[in-house]
N, C-alpha and C. Protein backbone atom coordinates (compact mmCIF):
# COMPACT_ATOMS: atom_id res chain seq x y z
N MET A 1 0.84 -1.18 0.00
CA MET A 1 0.00 0.00 0.00
C MET A 1 0.89 1.24 0.00
N VAL A 2 0.52 2.20 -0.81
CA VAL A 2 1.30 3.43 -0.95
C VAL A 2 0.54 4.59 -0.33
N ALA A 3 1.26 5.48 0.33
CA ALA A 3 0.65 6.63 0.99
C ALA A 3 1.37 7.91 0.57
N MET A 4 0.63 9.00 0.64
CA MET A 4 1.21 10.33 0.46
C MET A 4 1.21 10.98 1.84
N ARG A 5 2.38 11.32 2.34
CA ARG A 5 2.45 11.91 3.67
C ARG A 5 3.64 12.86 3.78
N LEU A 6 3.75 13.47 4.96
CA LEU A 6 4.82 14.43 5.21
C LEU A 6 6.01 13.75 5.84
N THR A 7 7.19 14.20 5.47
CA THR A 7 8.42 13.77 6.13
C THR A 7 9.13 15.04 6.58
N ARG A 8 9.55 15.06 7.82
CA ARG A 8 10.14 16.26 8.38
C ARG A 8 11.61 16.38 8.02
N ILE A 9 11.99 17.57 7.53
CA ILE A 9 13.40 17.83 7.23
C ILE A 9 13.88 19.08 7.95
N GLY A 10 13.01 19.73 8.71
CA GLY A 10 13.39 20.94 9.42
C GLY A 10 14.19 20.66 10.67
N SER A 11 14.84 21.68 11.16
CA SER A 11 15.64 21.54 12.38
C SER A 11 14.75 21.71 13.61
N LYS A 12 15.36 21.63 14.76
CA LYS A 12 14.65 21.75 16.02
C LYS A 12 13.91 23.09 16.10
N LYS A 13 12.64 23.03 16.41
CA LYS A 13 11.76 24.20 16.55
C LYS A 13 11.54 24.97 15.24
N ARG A 14 11.98 24.42 14.11
CA ARG A 14 11.79 25.05 12.79
C ARG A 14 11.27 23.99 11.82
N PRO A 15 10.02 23.54 11.99
CA PRO A 15 9.53 22.46 11.14
C PRO A 15 9.46 22.85 9.67
N TYR A 16 9.83 21.93 8.83
CA TYR A 16 9.75 22.07 7.38
C TYR A 16 9.55 20.66 6.85
N TYR A 17 8.63 20.50 5.94
CA TYR A 17 8.25 19.17 5.52
C TYR A 17 8.34 18.99 4.01
N ARG A 18 8.60 17.76 3.59
CA ARG A 18 8.46 17.36 2.19
C ARG A 18 7.19 16.53 2.09
N ILE A 19 6.48 16.68 1.00
CA ILE A 19 5.33 15.84 0.71
C ILE A 19 5.86 14.70 -0.16
N VAL A 20 5.76 13.47 0.34
CA VAL A 20 6.36 12.33 -0.35
C VAL A 20 5.35 11.21 -0.56
N VAL A 21 5.67 10.35 -1.52
CA VAL A 21 4.95 9.11 -1.73
C VAL A 21 5.84 8.02 -1.15
N ILE A 22 5.26 7.21 -0.25
CA ILE A 22 6.05 6.25 0.51
C ILE A 22 5.21 5.00 0.79
N ASP A 23 5.87 3.88 0.94
CA ASP A 23 5.19 2.66 1.37
C ASP A 23 4.69 2.88 2.80
N LYS A 24 3.45 2.51 3.07
CA LYS A 24 2.86 2.75 4.39
C LYS A 24 3.62 2.12 5.53
N ARG A 25 4.32 1.04 5.26
CA ARG A 25 5.02 0.31 6.33
C ARG A 25 6.34 0.97 6.72
N ARG A 26 6.82 1.90 5.96
CA ARG A 26 8.10 2.55 6.24
C ARG A 26 7.96 3.60 7.34
N ALA A 27 9.08 3.94 7.95
CA ALA A 27 9.12 4.96 9.00
C ALA A 27 8.85 6.35 8.41
N ARG A 28 8.53 7.29 9.25
CA ARG A 28 8.19 8.65 8.81
C ARG A 28 9.26 9.24 7.91
N ASN A 29 10.51 9.11 8.30
CA ASN A 29 11.59 9.66 7.50
C ASN A 29 12.34 8.57 6.73
N GLY A 30 11.65 7.47 6.45
CA GLY A 30 12.27 6.36 5.74
C GLY A 30 12.39 6.64 4.24
N ARG A 31 12.87 5.62 3.52
CA ARG A 31 13.08 5.74 2.09
C ARG A 31 11.74 5.92 1.38
N PHE A 32 11.65 6.92 0.53
CA PHE A 32 10.41 7.23 -0.16
C PHE A 32 10.54 6.93 -1.64
N LEU A 33 9.41 6.90 -2.34
CA LEU A 33 9.38 6.64 -3.77
C LEU A 33 9.60 7.90 -4.59
N GLU A 34 8.96 9.01 -4.15
CA GLU A 34 9.05 10.25 -4.91
C GLU A 34 8.70 11.43 -4.02
N VAL A 35 9.35 12.56 -4.27
CA VAL A 35 9.03 13.81 -3.59
C VAL A 35 8.03 14.56 -4.47
N LEU A 36 6.89 14.94 -3.89
CA LEU A 36 5.86 15.65 -4.64
C LEU A 36 5.88 17.14 -4.41
N GLY A 37 6.45 17.58 -3.29
CA GLY A 37 6.45 19.00 -3.00
C GLY A 37 7.01 19.27 -1.62
N GLN A 38 6.71 20.48 -1.14
CA GLN A 38 7.19 20.87 0.19
C GLN A 38 6.16 21.76 0.88
N TYR A 39 6.27 21.81 2.21
CA TYR A 39 5.32 22.54 3.03
C TYR A 39 6.09 23.24 4.15
N ASN A 40 5.92 24.55 4.25
CA ASN A 40 6.57 25.35 5.28
C ASN A 40 5.49 25.99 6.15
N PRO A 41 5.18 25.39 7.31
CA PRO A 41 4.12 25.93 8.16
C PRO A 41 4.53 27.18 8.93
N ILE A 42 5.81 27.48 9.02
CA ILE A 42 6.29 28.64 9.76
C ILE A 42 5.98 29.94 9.03
N ALA A 43 6.08 29.93 7.71
CA ALA A 43 5.84 31.14 6.91
C ALA A 43 4.39 31.59 7.08
N ARG A 44 4.17 32.86 7.01
CA ARG A 44 2.82 33.42 7.09
C ARG A 44 2.52 34.17 5.82
N PRO A 45 1.58 33.73 5.00
CA PRO A 45 0.85 32.47 5.11
C PRO A 45 1.73 31.28 4.82
N ALA A 46 1.29 30.11 5.28
CA ALA A 46 2.08 28.88 5.09
C ALA A 46 2.33 28.64 3.60
N GLN A 47 3.56 28.25 3.27
CA GLN A 47 3.93 28.00 1.88
C GLN A 47 3.73 26.53 1.55
N VAL A 48 3.02 26.28 0.44
CA VAL A 48 2.78 24.92 -0.02
C VAL A 48 3.11 24.87 -1.50
N GLU A 49 4.00 23.97 -1.87
CA GLU A 49 4.33 23.74 -3.27
C GLU A 49 4.11 22.27 -3.56
N ILE A 50 3.28 21.98 -4.56
CA ILE A 50 2.98 20.59 -4.92
C ILE A 50 3.02 20.45 -6.43
N ASN A 51 3.66 19.39 -6.89
CA ASN A 51 3.66 19.06 -8.31
C ASN A 51 2.31 18.40 -8.60
N ALA A 52 1.38 19.18 -9.15
CA ALA A 52 0.00 18.72 -9.34
C ALA A 52 -0.09 17.52 -10.27
N GLU A 53 0.70 17.52 -11.31
CA GLU A 53 0.66 16.42 -12.28
C GLU A 53 1.04 15.09 -11.63
N ARG A 54 2.12 15.10 -10.86
CA ARG A 54 2.57 13.87 -10.20
C ARG A 54 1.63 13.46 -9.07
N ALA A 55 1.04 14.44 -8.37
CA ALA A 55 0.07 14.12 -7.31
C ALA A 55 -1.14 13.42 -7.91
N GLN A 56 -1.65 13.91 -9.02
CA GLN A 56 -2.78 13.27 -9.70
C GLN A 56 -2.41 11.87 -10.16
N TYR A 57 -1.19 11.71 -10.66
CA TYR A 57 -0.71 10.40 -11.10
C TYR A 57 -0.79 9.39 -9.95
N TRP A 58 -0.26 9.76 -8.79
CA TRP A 58 -0.24 8.83 -7.66
C TRP A 58 -1.63 8.59 -7.09
N LEU A 59 -2.47 9.61 -7.08
CA LEU A 59 -3.84 9.43 -6.60
C LEU A 59 -4.60 8.46 -7.50
N ALA A 60 -4.36 8.55 -8.81
CA ALA A 60 -5.00 7.64 -9.76
C ALA A 60 -4.51 6.21 -9.56
N ARG A 61 -3.32 6.03 -9.04
CA ARG A 61 -2.76 4.70 -8.80
C ARG A 61 -3.10 4.15 -7.42
N GLY A 62 -3.92 4.89 -6.65
CA GLY A 62 -4.41 4.37 -5.37
C GLY A 62 -3.65 4.83 -4.14
N ALA A 63 -2.78 5.81 -4.26
CA ALA A 63 -2.06 6.32 -3.09
C ALA A 63 -3.05 7.03 -2.16
N GLU A 64 -2.96 6.73 -0.88
CA GLU A 64 -3.84 7.34 0.10
C GLU A 64 -3.14 8.52 0.77
N PRO A 65 -3.65 9.74 0.64
CA PRO A 65 -3.04 10.87 1.34
C PRO A 65 -3.39 10.85 2.83
N SER A 66 -2.45 11.28 3.66
CA SER A 66 -2.73 11.43 5.09
C SER A 66 -3.71 12.60 5.25
N GLU A 67 -4.24 12.78 6.43
CA GLU A 67 -5.20 13.86 6.66
C GLU A 67 -4.59 15.23 6.35
N THR A 68 -3.36 15.44 6.79
CA THR A 68 -2.70 16.72 6.55
C THR A 68 -2.44 16.94 5.07
N VAL A 69 -1.95 15.92 4.39
CA VAL A 69 -1.68 16.05 2.96
C VAL A 69 -2.99 16.24 2.20
N ARG A 70 -4.05 15.57 2.63
CA ARG A 70 -5.34 15.75 1.97
C ARG A 70 -5.81 17.20 2.10
N SER A 71 -5.62 17.82 3.27
CA SER A 71 -6.03 19.22 3.44
C SER A 71 -5.16 20.14 2.59
N LEU A 72 -3.88 19.82 2.44
CA LEU A 72 -3.01 20.63 1.58
C LEU A 72 -3.42 20.48 0.11
N LEU A 73 -3.80 19.27 -0.30
CA LEU A 73 -4.27 19.05 -1.66
C LEU A 73 -5.58 19.80 -1.91
N ARG A 74 -6.43 19.87 -0.89
CA ARG A 74 -7.68 20.63 -1.02
C ARG A 74 -7.39 22.12 -1.21
N GLN A 75 -6.41 22.63 -0.50
CA GLN A 75 -6.04 24.05 -0.65
C GLN A 75 -5.62 24.35 -2.09
N LYS A 76 -4.93 23.40 -2.70
CA LYS A 76 -4.46 23.57 -4.08
C LYS A 76 -5.51 23.08 -5.08
N GLU A 77 -6.71 22.69 -4.58
CA GLU A 77 -7.83 22.24 -5.39
C GLU A 77 -7.48 21.04 -6.26
N LEU A 78 -6.74 20.10 -5.69
CA LEU A 78 -6.40 18.86 -6.38
C LEU A 78 -7.29 17.70 -5.96
N VAL A 79 -7.94 17.85 -4.80
CA VAL A 79 -8.84 16.83 -4.25
C VAL A 79 -10.05 17.54 -3.70
N ARG A 80 -11.19 16.86 -3.73
CA ARG A 80 -12.40 17.44 -3.14
C ARG A 80 -12.43 17.30 -1.66
């Protein structure tokens, strides 16, 4: 099973995330299949960059987005 979720790359007290496609059984920061974008919650407003074409590709192949990634995809109007 494949999932779309966040992996943290930020330092202590400065969270910064990559949006990745990863096997559900892997650890949060484990080996991923593809990087789809990035998310910076510290910036005001929060910065979200997503490769829409690749996100649609993985969603069509059955990748399940996490709740947070699903809300970010909704912001970019990629998912209902």
